[in-house]
């Protein structure tokens, strides 16, 4: 039995964040079979896709004298600088070819505004510019969102916490995510997520409970 009031949000499972990509996260490709296994249990699937212009403000090469993974202060707050990745229309930005989500209805592209980074599927880093996802989910009657993908400590965490703030029941399926873990960012992200009401579960827990209906 499917559940019309829940959605799977698949965050940034792209070539750029998997082995061989410009901002590869270790072993991130190993979560793809888990995501593919989860997908048939959802009527509603949303995919997010990092989609940067080549001169995006988050790219280290846009800031002379700065290096990737340094943090600078922009007008909207602290910004980690990244290697150039997921440039619009590039192979790096494409969804990973092993990802099999034929019933996904919506792709949310984010990070395409040159002067604002965007981790969350709901709100860009200025915390004002919305993607429209919250309205879409509400129109569909979605109450529960289950979040998987890359990276746990950035785009997944920001998406999960924003989902809570916006009134959704927010779950992160931990073994279907992978983190960058930049200077302890993974542990910090989990602490912050749990403190804000995000619920952590594992794929087998979810699949077992889902099959009980």
N, C-alpha and C. Protein backbone atom coordinates (compact mmCIF):
# COMPACT_ATOMS: atom_id res chain seq x y z
N UNK A 1 0.84 -1.19 0.00
CA UNK A 1 0.00 0.00 0.00
C UNK A 1 0.88 1.24 0.00
N UNK A 2 0.60 2.17 -0.92
CA UNK A 2 1.33 3.40 -0.99
C UNK A 2 0.73 4.44 -0.05
N UNK A 3 1.47 5.47 0.24
CA UNK A 3 1.04 6.52 1.14
C UNK A 3 1.09 7.84 0.40
N UNK A 4 -0.06 8.38 0.09
CA UNK A 4 -0.13 9.60 -0.72
C UNK A 4 0.36 10.82 0.03
N UNK A 5 0.45 10.73 1.37
CA UNK A 5 0.84 11.91 2.15
C UNK A 5 2.32 11.93 2.50
N UNK A 6 3.14 11.14 1.84
CA UNK A 6 4.57 11.16 2.10
C UNK A 6 5.34 11.26 0.78
N UNK A 7 6.52 11.83 0.87
CA UNK A 7 7.36 12.02 -0.30
C UNK A 7 8.80 11.65 0.01
N UNK A 8 9.48 11.15 -0.99
CA UNK A 8 10.91 10.89 -0.93
C UNK A 8 11.61 12.05 -1.64
N UNK A 9 12.53 12.71 -0.93
CA UNK A 9 13.32 13.79 -1.53
C UNK A 9 14.74 13.27 -1.71
N UNK A 10 15.16 13.17 -2.96
CA UNK A 10 16.47 12.61 -3.30
C UNK A 10 17.39 13.77 -3.65
N UNK A 11 18.37 14.02 -2.78
CA UNK A 11 19.17 15.23 -2.84
C UNK A 11 20.49 15.00 -3.58
N UNK A 12 20.64 15.64 -4.72
CA UNK A 12 21.94 15.83 -5.39
C UNK A 12 22.72 14.54 -5.64
N UNK A 13 22.05 13.51 -6.12
CA UNK A 13 22.78 12.28 -6.47
C UNK A 13 23.26 12.45 -7.91
N UNK A 14 24.34 13.18 -8.03
CA UNK A 14 24.87 13.62 -9.31
C UNK A 14 26.30 13.14 -9.51
N UNK A 15 26.74 13.14 -10.76
CA UNK A 15 28.11 12.72 -11.05
C UNK A 15 29.13 13.54 -10.27
N UNK A 16 28.85 14.81 -10.08
CA UNK A 16 29.81 15.69 -9.41
C UNK A 16 30.11 15.34 -7.97
N UNK A 17 29.17 14.65 -7.31
CA UNK A 17 29.33 14.33 -5.90
C UNK A 17 29.66 12.85 -5.67
N UNK A 18 29.82 12.10 -6.73
CA UNK A 18 30.12 10.68 -6.62
C UNK A 18 31.54 10.43 -7.16
N UNK A 19 32.13 9.27 -6.91
CA UNK A 19 33.51 9.04 -7.31
C UNK A 19 33.78 9.41 -8.77
N UNK A 20 34.85 10.19 -8.97
CA UNK A 20 35.18 10.70 -10.30
C UNK A 20 34.66 12.09 -10.55
N UNK A 21 33.82 12.61 -9.66
CA UNK A 21 33.25 13.94 -9.82
C UNK A 21 34.16 15.03 -9.29
N UNK A 22 33.81 16.27 -9.61
CA UNK A 22 34.64 17.41 -9.21
C UNK A 22 34.58 17.70 -7.71
N UNK A 23 33.53 17.25 -7.04
CA UNK A 23 33.42 17.40 -5.59
C UNK A 23 32.94 16.06 -5.01
N UNK A 24 33.72 15.03 -5.32
CA UNK A 24 33.32 13.67 -4.98
C UNK A 24 33.29 13.45 -3.47
N UNK A 25 32.24 12.81 -3.00
CA UNK A 25 32.09 12.42 -1.61
C UNK A 25 32.40 10.92 -1.53
N UNK A 26 33.29 10.55 -0.63
CA UNK A 26 33.76 9.16 -0.55
C UNK A 26 32.60 8.18 -0.44
N UNK A 27 32.62 7.18 -1.31
CA UNK A 27 31.67 6.07 -1.28
C UNK A 27 30.21 6.51 -1.51
N UNK A 28 30.01 7.70 -2.04
CA UNK A 28 28.64 8.19 -2.22
C UNK A 28 27.84 7.34 -3.19
N UNK A 29 28.51 6.68 -4.13
CA UNK A 29 27.78 5.83 -5.08
C UNK A 29 27.16 4.61 -4.40
N UNK A 30 27.65 4.27 -3.21
CA UNK A 30 27.13 3.08 -2.52
C UNK A 30 25.72 3.26 -2.00
N UNK A 31 25.24 4.50 -1.92
CA UNK A 31 23.87 4.72 -1.44
C UNK A 31 22.84 4.56 -2.55
N UNK A 32 23.29 4.53 -3.79
CA UNK A 32 22.33 4.54 -4.91
C UNK A 32 21.46 3.28 -4.93
N UNK A 33 21.99 2.08 -4.74
CA UNK A 33 21.11 0.91 -4.70
C UNK A 33 20.06 0.99 -3.58
N UNK A 34 20.44 1.60 -2.45
CA UNK A 34 19.48 1.75 -1.35
C UNK A 34 18.35 2.69 -1.77
N UNK A 35 18.71 3.80 -2.40
CA UNK A 35 17.69 4.75 -2.85
C UNK A 35 16.77 4.09 -3.87
N UNK A 36 17.35 3.33 -4.79
CA UNK A 36 16.53 2.63 -5.79
C UNK A 36 15.58 1.63 -5.14
N UNK A 37 16.02 1.02 -4.04
CA UNK A 37 15.17 0.07 -3.31
C UNK A 37 14.04 0.77 -2.58
N UNK A 38 14.30 1.98 -2.08
CA UNK A 38 13.28 2.75 -1.36
C UNK A 38 12.21 3.32 -2.29
N UNK A 39 12.61 3.70 -3.47
CA UNK A 39 11.75 4.47 -4.36
C UNK A 39 10.37 3.86 -4.64
N UNK A 40 10.26 2.54 -4.86
CA UNK A 40 8.94 1.98 -5.16
C UNK A 40 7.93 2.10 -4.02
N UNK A 41 8.38 2.49 -2.84
CA UNK A 41 7.49 2.63 -1.69
C UNK A 41 6.91 4.05 -1.59
N UNK A 42 7.15 4.87 -2.59
CA UNK A 42 6.67 6.25 -2.58
C UNK A 42 5.88 6.57 -3.85
N UNK A 43 4.71 7.15 -3.66
CA UNK A 43 3.97 7.70 -4.79
C UNK A 43 4.57 9.01 -5.26
N UNK A 44 5.21 9.72 -4.34
CA UNK A 44 5.72 11.06 -4.62
C UNK A 44 7.23 11.10 -4.42
N UNK A 45 7.94 11.41 -5.49
CA UNK A 45 9.40 11.49 -5.44
C UNK A 45 9.84 12.82 -6.06
N UNK A 46 10.68 13.53 -5.31
CA UNK A 46 11.26 14.79 -5.78
C UNK A 46 12.77 14.61 -5.82
N UNK A 47 13.39 15.07 -6.89
CA UNK A 47 14.84 15.02 -7.05
C UNK A 47 15.38 16.45 -7.00
N UNK A 48 16.50 16.66 -6.31
CA UNK A 48 17.16 17.96 -6.40
C UNK A 48 18.46 17.80 -7.19
N UNK A 49 18.84 18.90 -7.82
CA UNK A 49 20.01 18.88 -8.70
C UNK A 49 20.77 20.21 -8.56
N UNK A 50 22.01 20.13 -8.08
CA UNK A 50 22.87 21.31 -8.06
C UNK A 50 23.10 21.75 -9.50
N UNK A 51 22.99 23.07 -9.75
CA UNK A 51 22.95 23.53 -11.15
C UNK A 51 23.58 24.93 -11.22
N UNK A 52 24.92 24.96 -11.11
CA UNK A 52 25.63 26.23 -10.95
C UNK A 52 26.07 26.83 -12.28
N UNK A 53 26.02 28.17 -12.40
CA UNK A 53 26.76 28.82 -13.48
C UNK A 53 28.26 28.68 -13.23
N UNK A 54 29.05 28.79 -14.28
CA UNK A 54 30.49 28.56 -14.14
C UNK A 54 31.18 29.61 -13.28
N UNK A 55 30.53 30.77 -13.10
CA UNK A 55 31.11 31.83 -12.27
C UNK A 55 30.39 31.96 -10.93
N UNK A 56 29.90 30.85 -10.40
CA UNK A 56 29.11 30.89 -9.17
C UNK A 56 29.96 31.39 -8.00
N UNK A 57 29.32 32.12 -7.11
CA UNK A 57 30.02 32.78 -6.00
C UNK A 57 30.64 31.79 -5.00
N UNK A 58 30.16 30.56 -4.98
CA UNK A 58 30.69 29.57 -4.04
C UNK A 58 31.96 28.90 -4.55
N UNK A 59 32.35 29.16 -5.80
CA UNK A 59 33.53 28.50 -6.35
C UNK A 59 34.79 29.25 -5.90
N UNK A 60 35.76 28.51 -5.39
CA UNK A 60 36.97 29.12 -4.86
C UNK A 60 37.68 29.97 -5.90
N UNK A 61 37.66 29.57 -7.17
CA UNK A 61 38.40 30.32 -8.19
C UNK A 61 37.82 31.71 -8.44
N UNK A 62 36.63 31.98 -7.90
CA UNK A 62 36.04 33.31 -8.02
C UNK A 62 36.60 34.29 -6.98
N UNK A 63 37.44 33.79 -6.08
CA UNK A 63 37.95 34.61 -4.97
C UNK A 63 39.46 34.50 -4.94
N UNK A 64 40.16 35.42 -5.60
CA UNK A 64 41.63 35.37 -5.67
C UNK A 64 42.27 35.25 -4.29
N UNK A 65 43.22 34.33 -4.21
CA UNK A 65 43.92 34.12 -2.95
C UNK A 65 43.25 33.15 -2.01
N UNK A 66 42.02 32.73 -2.34
CA UNK A 66 41.29 31.78 -1.50
C UNK A 66 41.37 30.38 -2.10
N UNK A 67 41.15 29.39 -1.25
CA UNK A 67 41.26 28.00 -1.68
C UNK A 67 39.98 27.24 -1.33
N UNK A 68 39.77 26.15 -2.04
CA UNK A 68 38.62 25.30 -1.77
C UNK A 68 38.60 24.86 -0.32
N UNK A 69 37.42 24.86 0.27
CA UNK A 69 37.11 24.43 1.63
C UNK A 69 37.43 25.49 2.68
N UNK A 70 37.95 26.65 2.26
CA UNK A 70 38.02 27.79 3.17
C UNK A 70 36.61 28.37 3.32
N UNK A 71 36.40 29.09 4.42
CA UNK A 71 35.12 29.77 4.65
C UNK A 71 35.34 31.28 4.60
N UNK A 72 34.48 31.96 3.85
CA UNK A 72 34.52 33.41 3.78
C UNK A 72 33.17 33.96 4.24
N UNK A 73 33.10 35.25 4.41
CA UNK A 73 31.85 35.89 4.82
C UNK A 73 31.28 36.66 3.64
N UNK A 74 30.06 36.29 3.24
CA UNK A 74 29.35 37.01 2.19
C UNK A 74 28.21 37.80 2.83
N UNK A 75 27.49 38.57 2.03
CA UNK A 75 26.47 39.43 2.62
C UNK A 75 25.35 38.66 3.29
N UNK A 76 25.18 37.37 2.94
CA UNK A 76 24.15 36.55 3.60
C UNK A 76 24.72 35.66 4.70
N UNK A 77 26.03 35.73 4.95
CA UNK A 77 26.61 34.95 6.04
C UNK A 77 27.82 34.14 5.61
N UNK A 78 28.27 33.20 6.45
CA UNK A 78 29.45 32.39 6.12
C UNK A 78 29.20 31.53 4.89
N UNK A 79 30.23 31.39 4.07
CA UNK A 79 30.13 30.59 2.85
C UNK A 79 31.38 29.73 2.70
N UNK A 80 31.20 28.42 2.67
CA UNK A 80 32.31 27.52 2.34
C UNK A 80 32.59 27.66 0.85
N UNK A 81 33.86 27.74 0.49
CA UNK A 81 34.26 27.79 -0.91
C UNK A 81 34.51 26.37 -1.42
N UNK A 82 34.01 26.10 -2.60
CA UNK A 82 34.07 24.75 -3.16
C UNK A 82 34.86 24.72 -4.46
N UNK A 83 35.39 23.57 -4.82
CA UNK A 83 35.89 23.42 -6.18
C UNK A 83 34.73 23.61 -7.17
N UNK A 84 35.06 24.03 -8.36
CA UNK A 84 34.00 24.15 -9.38
C UNK A 84 33.33 22.79 -9.57
N UNK A 85 32.00 22.77 -9.49
CA UNK A 85 31.28 21.50 -9.59
C UNK A 85 29.86 21.74 -10.11
N UNK A 86 29.30 20.70 -10.70
CA UNK A 86 27.91 20.69 -11.14
C UNK A 86 27.55 21.95 -11.95
N UNK A 87 28.42 22.27 -12.89
CA UNK A 87 28.16 23.42 -13.77
C UNK A 87 27.04 23.06 -14.74
N UNK A 88 26.14 24.01 -14.93
CA UNK A 88 24.94 23.80 -15.75
C UNK A 88 25.28 23.15 -17.10
N UNK A 89 24.58 22.06 -17.41
CA UNK A 89 24.74 21.40 -18.70
C UNK A 89 25.94 20.49 -18.82
N UNK A 90 26.75 20.38 -17.78
CA UNK A 90 27.96 19.54 -17.84
C UNK A 90 27.66 18.11 -17.40
N UNK A 91 28.59 17.22 -17.74
CA UNK A 91 28.48 15.83 -17.27
C UNK A 91 28.49 15.77 -15.76
N UNK A 92 29.27 16.64 -15.15
CA UNK A 92 29.38 16.69 -13.68
C UNK A 92 28.02 16.95 -13.03
N UNK A 93 27.19 17.73 -13.71
CA UNK A 93 25.89 18.11 -13.14
C UNK A 93 24.79 17.08 -13.38
N UNK A 94 25.05 16.11 -14.25
CA UNK A 94 24.01 15.13 -14.57
C UNK A 94 23.73 14.21 -13.38
N UNK A 95 22.50 13.75 -13.29
CA UNK A 95 22.16 12.74 -12.30
C UNK A 95 22.97 11.48 -12.57
N UNK A 96 23.35 10.79 -11.50
CA UNK A 96 24.17 9.58 -11.66
C UNK A 96 23.41 8.55 -12.49
N UNK A 97 24.08 7.93 -13.46
CA UNK A 97 23.36 7.01 -14.35
C UNK A 97 22.78 5.78 -13.66
N UNK A 98 23.28 5.42 -12.50
CA UNK A 98 22.74 4.25 -11.79
C UNK A 98 21.47 4.57 -11.02
N UNK A 99 21.16 5.84 -10.86
CA UNK A 99 19.95 6.24 -10.14
C UNK A 99 18.73 5.90 -10.99
N UNK A 100 17.83 5.11 -10.43
CA UNK A 100 16.68 4.63 -11.20
C UNK A 100 15.39 5.08 -10.50
N UNK A 101 14.88 6.21 -10.93
CA UNK A 101 13.69 6.80 -10.32
C UNK A 101 12.67 7.16 -11.41
N UNK A 102 12.14 6.17 -12.11
CA UNK A 102 11.26 6.47 -13.24
C UNK A 102 9.96 7.15 -12.86
N UNK A 103 9.55 7.05 -11.59
CA UNK A 103 8.28 7.65 -11.19
C UNK A 103 8.44 9.03 -10.54
N UNK A 104 9.66 9.56 -10.51
CA UNK A 104 9.86 10.91 -9.95
C UNK A 104 9.10 11.92 -10.79
N UNK A 105 8.41 12.87 -10.12
CA UNK A 105 7.59 13.83 -10.83
C UNK A 105 8.23 15.20 -10.96
N UNK A 106 9.21 15.52 -10.12
CA UNK A 106 9.71 16.90 -10.06
C UNK A 106 11.21 16.90 -9.82
N UNK A 107 11.92 17.75 -10.59
CA UNK A 107 13.33 18.03 -10.32
C UNK A 107 13.44 19.49 -9.91
N UNK A 108 13.98 19.71 -8.73
CA UNK A 108 14.25 21.07 -8.24
C UNK A 108 15.72 21.37 -8.49
N UNK A 109 15.99 22.33 -9.37
CA UNK A 109 17.37 22.76 -9.59
C UNK A 109 17.68 23.92 -8.65
N UNK A 110 18.86 23.88 -8.06
CA UNK A 110 19.23 24.88 -7.07
C UNK A 110 20.67 25.33 -7.28
N UNK A 111 20.98 26.51 -6.73
CA UNK A 111 22.32 27.05 -6.89
C UNK A 111 22.54 27.71 -8.23
N UNK A 112 21.47 28.02 -8.96
CA UNK A 112 21.64 28.63 -10.29
C UNK A 112 21.70 30.15 -10.24
N UNK A 113 21.39 30.76 -9.07
CA UNK A 113 21.60 32.20 -8.92
C UNK A 113 23.08 32.45 -8.62
N UNK A 114 23.73 33.27 -9.42
CA UNK A 114 25.17 33.43 -9.34
C UNK A 114 25.64 33.90 -7.97
N UNK A 115 24.90 34.77 -7.32
CA UNK A 115 25.37 35.42 -6.10
C UNK A 115 24.85 34.77 -4.81
N UNK A 116 24.15 33.64 -4.91
CA UNK A 116 23.63 32.97 -3.71
C UNK A 116 23.88 31.47 -3.84
N UNK A 117 24.46 30.88 -2.82
CA UNK A 117 24.57 29.43 -2.83
C UNK A 117 23.24 28.84 -2.37
N UNK A 118 23.08 27.56 -2.56
CA UNK A 118 21.81 26.93 -2.20
C UNK A 118 22.05 25.48 -1.83
N UNK A 119 21.94 25.19 -0.54
CA UNK A 119 22.05 23.82 -0.06
C UNK A 119 20.67 23.17 0.06
N UNK A 120 19.76 23.87 0.67
CA UNK A 120 18.44 23.32 0.95
C UNK A 120 17.58 23.21 -0.30
N UNK A 121 16.73 22.19 -0.33
CA UNK A 121 15.76 22.06 -1.42
C UNK A 121 14.62 23.05 -1.28
N UNK A 122 14.52 23.71 -0.13
CA UNK A 122 13.41 24.63 0.14
C UNK A 122 13.79 26.10 0.04
N UNK A 123 14.97 26.46 0.59
CA UNK A 123 15.38 27.86 0.68
C UNK A 123 16.84 27.99 0.31
N UNK A 124 17.16 29.06 -0.41
CA UNK A 124 18.55 29.30 -0.74
C UNK A 124 19.28 29.89 0.48
N UNK A 125 20.59 30.07 0.34
CA UNK A 125 21.43 30.38 1.51
C UNK A 125 21.16 31.76 2.09
N UNK A 126 20.49 32.64 1.34
CA UNK A 126 20.12 33.93 1.92
C UNK A 126 18.94 33.79 2.87
N UNK A 127 18.34 32.59 2.91
CA UNK A 127 17.21 32.24 3.78
C UNK A 127 15.95 33.03 3.43
N UNK A 128 15.91 33.60 2.23
CA UNK A 128 14.75 34.36 1.77
C UNK A 128 14.21 33.82 0.45
N UNK A 129 15.12 33.44 -0.44
CA UNK A 129 14.73 33.00 -1.78
C UNK A 129 14.23 31.56 -1.73
N UNK A 130 12.98 31.35 -2.08
CA UNK A 130 12.39 30.01 -2.00
C UNK A 130 12.50 29.29 -3.34
N UNK A 131 12.47 27.98 -3.27
CA UNK A 131 12.48 27.16 -4.50
C UNK A 131 11.08 26.83 -4.99
N UNK A 132 10.09 27.01 -4.13
CA UNK A 132 8.73 26.61 -4.46
C UNK A 132 8.37 25.20 -4.03
N UNK A 133 9.33 24.47 -3.48
CA UNK A 133 9.06 23.07 -3.13
C UNK A 133 8.02 22.94 -2.03
N UNK A 134 8.07 23.81 -1.02
CA UNK A 134 7.09 23.71 0.08
C UNK A 134 5.67 23.84 -0.44
N UNK A 135 5.44 24.79 -1.33
CA UNK A 135 4.11 24.96 -1.90
C UNK A 135 3.67 23.76 -2.72
N UNK A 136 4.59 23.21 -3.47
CA UNK A 136 4.30 22.01 -4.26
C UNK A 136 3.87 20.85 -3.36
N UNK A 137 4.64 20.62 -2.29
CA UNK A 137 4.31 19.51 -1.39
C UNK A 137 2.97 19.73 -0.71
N UNK A 138 2.71 20.95 -0.28
CA UNK A 138 1.42 21.24 0.37
C UNK A 138 0.26 21.04 -0.59
N UNK A 139 0.42 21.48 -1.82
CA UNK A 139 -0.64 21.28 -2.82
C UNK A 139 -0.92 19.80 -3.06
N UNK A 140 0.11 18.98 -2.87
CA UNK A 140 -0.06 17.53 -3.06
C UNK A 140 -0.53 16.83 -1.80
N UNK A 141 -0.68 17.58 -0.70
CA UNK A 141 -1.14 17.00 0.55
C UNK A 141 -0.08 16.21 1.29
N UNK A 142 1.19 16.51 1.01
CA UNK A 142 2.30 15.79 1.65
C UNK A 142 2.49 16.28 3.08
N UNK A 143 2.63 15.35 4.01
CA UNK A 143 2.91 15.68 5.40
C UNK A 143 4.27 15.18 5.86
N UNK A 144 4.69 14.03 5.36
CA UNK A 144 5.95 13.41 5.78
C UNK A 144 6.94 13.44 4.62
N UNK A 145 8.16 13.91 4.90
CA UNK A 145 9.21 13.87 3.87
C UNK A 145 10.37 13.03 4.37
N UNK A 146 10.81 12.14 3.52
CA UNK A 146 11.95 11.27 3.80
C UNK A 146 13.08 11.71 2.88
N UNK A 147 14.23 12.02 3.46
CA UNK A 147 15.30 12.68 2.73
C UNK A 147 16.50 11.75 2.65
N UNK A 148 17.03 11.62 1.44
CA UNK A 148 18.21 10.78 1.18
C UNK A 148 19.14 11.58 0.25
N UNK A 149 20.38 11.13 0.11
CA UNK A 149 21.25 11.75 -0.88
C UNK A 149 22.56 12.28 -0.33
N UNK A 150 23.07 13.32 -1.00
CA UNK A 150 24.41 13.84 -0.78
C UNK A 150 24.34 15.37 -0.64
N UNK A 151 25.04 15.96 0.25
CA UNK A 151 25.86 15.37 1.30
C UNK A 151 25.11 15.53 2.62
N UNK A 152 25.24 14.56 3.48
CA UNK A 152 24.50 14.54 4.74
C UNK A 152 24.64 15.84 5.52
N UNK A 153 25.88 16.35 5.57
CA UNK A 153 26.18 17.48 6.44
C UNK A 153 25.96 18.84 5.78
N UNK A 154 25.54 18.86 4.54
CA UNK A 154 25.25 20.13 3.89
C UNK A 154 23.83 20.10 3.29
N UNK A 155 23.69 19.67 2.06
CA UNK A 155 22.39 19.79 1.39
C UNK A 155 21.30 18.93 2.03
N UNK A 156 21.64 17.73 2.48
CA UNK A 156 20.65 16.89 3.15
C UNK A 156 20.22 17.53 4.46
N UNK A 157 21.18 17.96 5.27
CA UNK A 157 20.86 18.54 6.58
C UNK A 157 20.03 19.81 6.44
N UNK A 158 20.43 20.70 5.56
CA UNK A 158 19.70 21.95 5.40
C UNK A 158 18.27 21.66 4.91
N UNK A 159 18.12 20.72 4.01
CA UNK A 159 16.80 20.35 3.52
C UNK A 159 15.94 19.79 4.65
N UNK A 160 16.52 18.90 5.44
CA UNK A 160 15.77 18.26 6.53
C UNK A 160 15.33 19.26 7.58
N UNK A 161 16.23 20.18 7.95
CA UNK A 161 15.89 21.17 8.97
C UNK A 161 14.86 22.17 8.46
N UNK A 162 14.99 22.57 7.19
CA UNK A 162 13.99 23.47 6.62
C UNK A 162 12.62 22.80 6.54
N UNK A 163 12.61 21.51 6.23
CA UNK A 163 11.34 20.79 6.19
C UNK A 163 10.63 20.86 7.54
N UNK A 164 11.40 20.69 8.62
CA UNK A 164 10.83 20.81 9.97
C UNK A 164 10.27 22.21 10.21
N UNK A 165 11.07 23.21 9.88
CA UNK A 165 10.66 24.60 10.12
C UNK A 165 9.40 24.95 9.34
N UNK A 166 9.21 24.30 8.20
CA UNK A 166 8.07 24.59 7.34
C UNK A 166 6.85 23.73 7.67
N UNK A 167 6.97 22.91 8.73
CA UNK A 167 5.81 22.18 9.22
C UNK A 167 5.65 20.76 8.73
N UNK A 168 6.64 20.24 8.04
CA UNK A 168 6.57 18.85 7.59
C UNK A 168 7.21 17.94 8.65
N UNK A 169 6.78 16.69 8.70
CA UNK A 169 7.46 15.69 9.49
C UNK A 169 8.68 15.24 8.68
N UNK A 170 9.87 15.45 9.23
CA UNK A 170 11.10 15.31 8.47
C UNK A 170 11.91 14.12 8.96
N UNK A 171 12.24 13.21 8.05
CA UNK A 171 13.02 12.02 8.36
C UNK A 171 14.23 11.97 7.43
N UNK A 172 15.38 11.65 7.98
CA UNK A 172 16.56 11.37 7.17
C UNK A 172 16.87 9.89 7.27
N UNK A 173 16.94 9.22 6.13
CA UNK A 173 17.29 7.80 6.09
C UNK A 173 18.81 7.72 6.02
N UNK A 174 19.43 7.50 7.18
CA UNK A 174 20.86 7.77 7.36
C UNK A 174 21.75 6.95 6.43
N UNK A 175 21.44 5.66 6.23
CA UNK A 175 22.32 4.84 5.41
C UNK A 175 22.11 5.08 3.92
N UNK A 176 21.17 5.96 3.58
CA UNK A 176 20.97 6.38 2.19
C UNK A 176 21.50 7.79 1.97
N UNK A 177 22.44 8.20 2.84
CA UNK A 177 23.13 9.48 2.70
C UNK A 177 24.63 9.26 2.87
N UNK A 178 25.42 10.20 2.37
CA UNK A 178 26.86 10.22 2.63
C UNK A 178 27.28 11.66 2.89
N UNK A 179 28.23 11.84 3.83
CA UNK A 179 28.66 13.18 4.21
C UNK A 179 30.06 13.51 3.76
N UNK A 180 30.34 14.81 3.66
CA UNK A 180 31.68 15.30 3.35
C UNK A 180 32.55 15.24 4.58
N UNK A 181 31.98 15.60 5.73
CA UNK A 181 32.66 15.64 7.03
C UNK A 181 33.87 16.57 6.99
N UNK A 182 33.59 17.84 6.80
CA UNK A 182 34.60 18.89 6.74
C UNK A 182 34.79 19.46 8.14
N UNK A 183 35.94 19.13 8.75
CA UNK A 183 36.25 19.63 10.10
C UNK A 183 35.15 19.30 11.12
N UNK A 184 34.69 18.05 11.08
CA UNK A 184 33.68 17.62 12.05
C UNK A 184 32.26 18.01 11.69
N UNK A 185 32.03 18.41 10.45
CA UNK A 185 30.71 18.92 10.05
C UNK A 185 29.63 17.84 10.09
N UNK A 186 30.00 16.59 9.92
CA UNK A 186 28.98 15.54 9.90
C UNK A 186 28.34 15.35 11.27
N UNK A 187 29.17 15.23 12.30
CA UNK A 187 28.63 15.08 13.66
C UNK A 187 27.82 16.31 14.05
N UNK A 188 28.35 17.48 13.73
CA UNK A 188 27.64 18.73 14.06
C UNK A 188 26.28 18.77 13.36
N UNK A 189 26.25 18.35 12.11
CA UNK A 189 24.99 18.39 11.36
C UNK A 189 23.95 17.47 11.98
N UNK A 190 24.37 16.27 12.39
CA UNK A 190 23.41 15.35 13.02
C UNK A 190 22.90 15.92 14.34
N UNK A 191 23.80 16.49 15.12
CA UNK A 191 23.36 17.09 16.39
C UNK A 191 22.34 18.20 16.14
N UNK A 192 22.61 19.02 15.15
CA UNK A 192 21.71 20.13 14.85
C UNK A 192 20.38 19.62 14.30
N UNK A 193 20.44 18.65 13.41
CA UNK A 193 19.20 18.09 12.85
C UNK A 193 18.31 17.51 13.95
N UNK A 194 18.88 16.68 14.80
CA UNK A 194 18.09 16.04 15.85
C UNK A 194 17.54 17.07 16.83
N UNK A 195 18.32 18.10 17.12
CA UNK A 195 17.87 19.16 18.04
C UNK A 195 16.69 19.93 17.47
N UNK A 196 16.60 19.99 16.14
CA UNK A 196 15.54 20.74 15.51
C UNK A 196 14.33 19.89 15.13
N UNK A 197 14.36 18.62 15.52
CA UNK A 197 13.19 17.78 15.32
C UNK A 197 13.23 16.83 14.16
N UNK A 198 14.35 16.81 13.44
CA UNK A 198 14.50 15.83 12.36
C UNK A 198 14.63 14.44 12.99
N UNK A 199 13.99 13.46 12.38
CA UNK A 199 14.06 12.09 12.89
C UNK A 199 14.99 11.27 12.01
N UNK A 200 15.82 10.48 12.65
CA UNK A 200 16.81 9.65 11.95
C UNK A 200 16.31 8.21 11.90
N UNK A 201 16.40 7.60 10.73
CA UNK A 201 16.04 6.19 10.63
C UNK A 201 16.98 5.52 9.63
N UNK A 202 16.84 4.20 9.53
CA UNK A 202 17.65 3.42 8.60
C UNK A 202 16.73 2.81 7.55
N UNK A 203 17.29 2.48 6.41
CA UNK A 203 16.46 2.00 5.31
C UNK A 203 15.70 0.73 5.66
N UNK A 204 16.35 -0.19 6.37
CA UNK A 204 15.67 -1.44 6.70
C UNK A 204 14.53 -1.23 7.69
N UNK A 205 14.71 -0.27 8.59
CA UNK A 205 13.60 0.10 9.48
C UNK A 205 12.42 0.59 8.67
N UNK A 206 12.71 1.48 7.74
CA UNK A 206 11.65 2.04 6.92
C UNK A 206 10.97 0.96 6.08
N UNK A 207 11.75 0.12 5.43
CA UNK A 207 11.19 -0.90 4.55
C UNK A 207 10.36 -1.90 5.34
N UNK A 208 10.81 -2.23 6.54
CA UNK A 208 10.07 -3.17 7.39
C UNK A 208 8.73 -2.56 7.81
N UNK A 209 8.75 -1.30 8.24
CA UNK A 209 7.51 -0.66 8.67
C UNK A 209 6.59 -0.42 7.51
N UNK A 210 7.16 -0.12 6.35
CA UNK A 210 6.34 0.15 5.17
C UNK A 210 5.62 -1.10 4.70
N UNK A 211 6.30 -2.24 4.79
CA UNK A 211 5.69 -3.49 4.33
C UNK A 211 4.65 -4.02 5.29
N UNK A 212 4.58 -3.40 6.48
CA UNK A 212 3.59 -3.86 7.47
C UNK A 212 2.17 -3.39 7.13
N UNK A 213 2.06 -2.42 6.22
CA UNK A 213 0.73 -1.90 5.88
C UNK A 213 0.09 -2.72 4.76
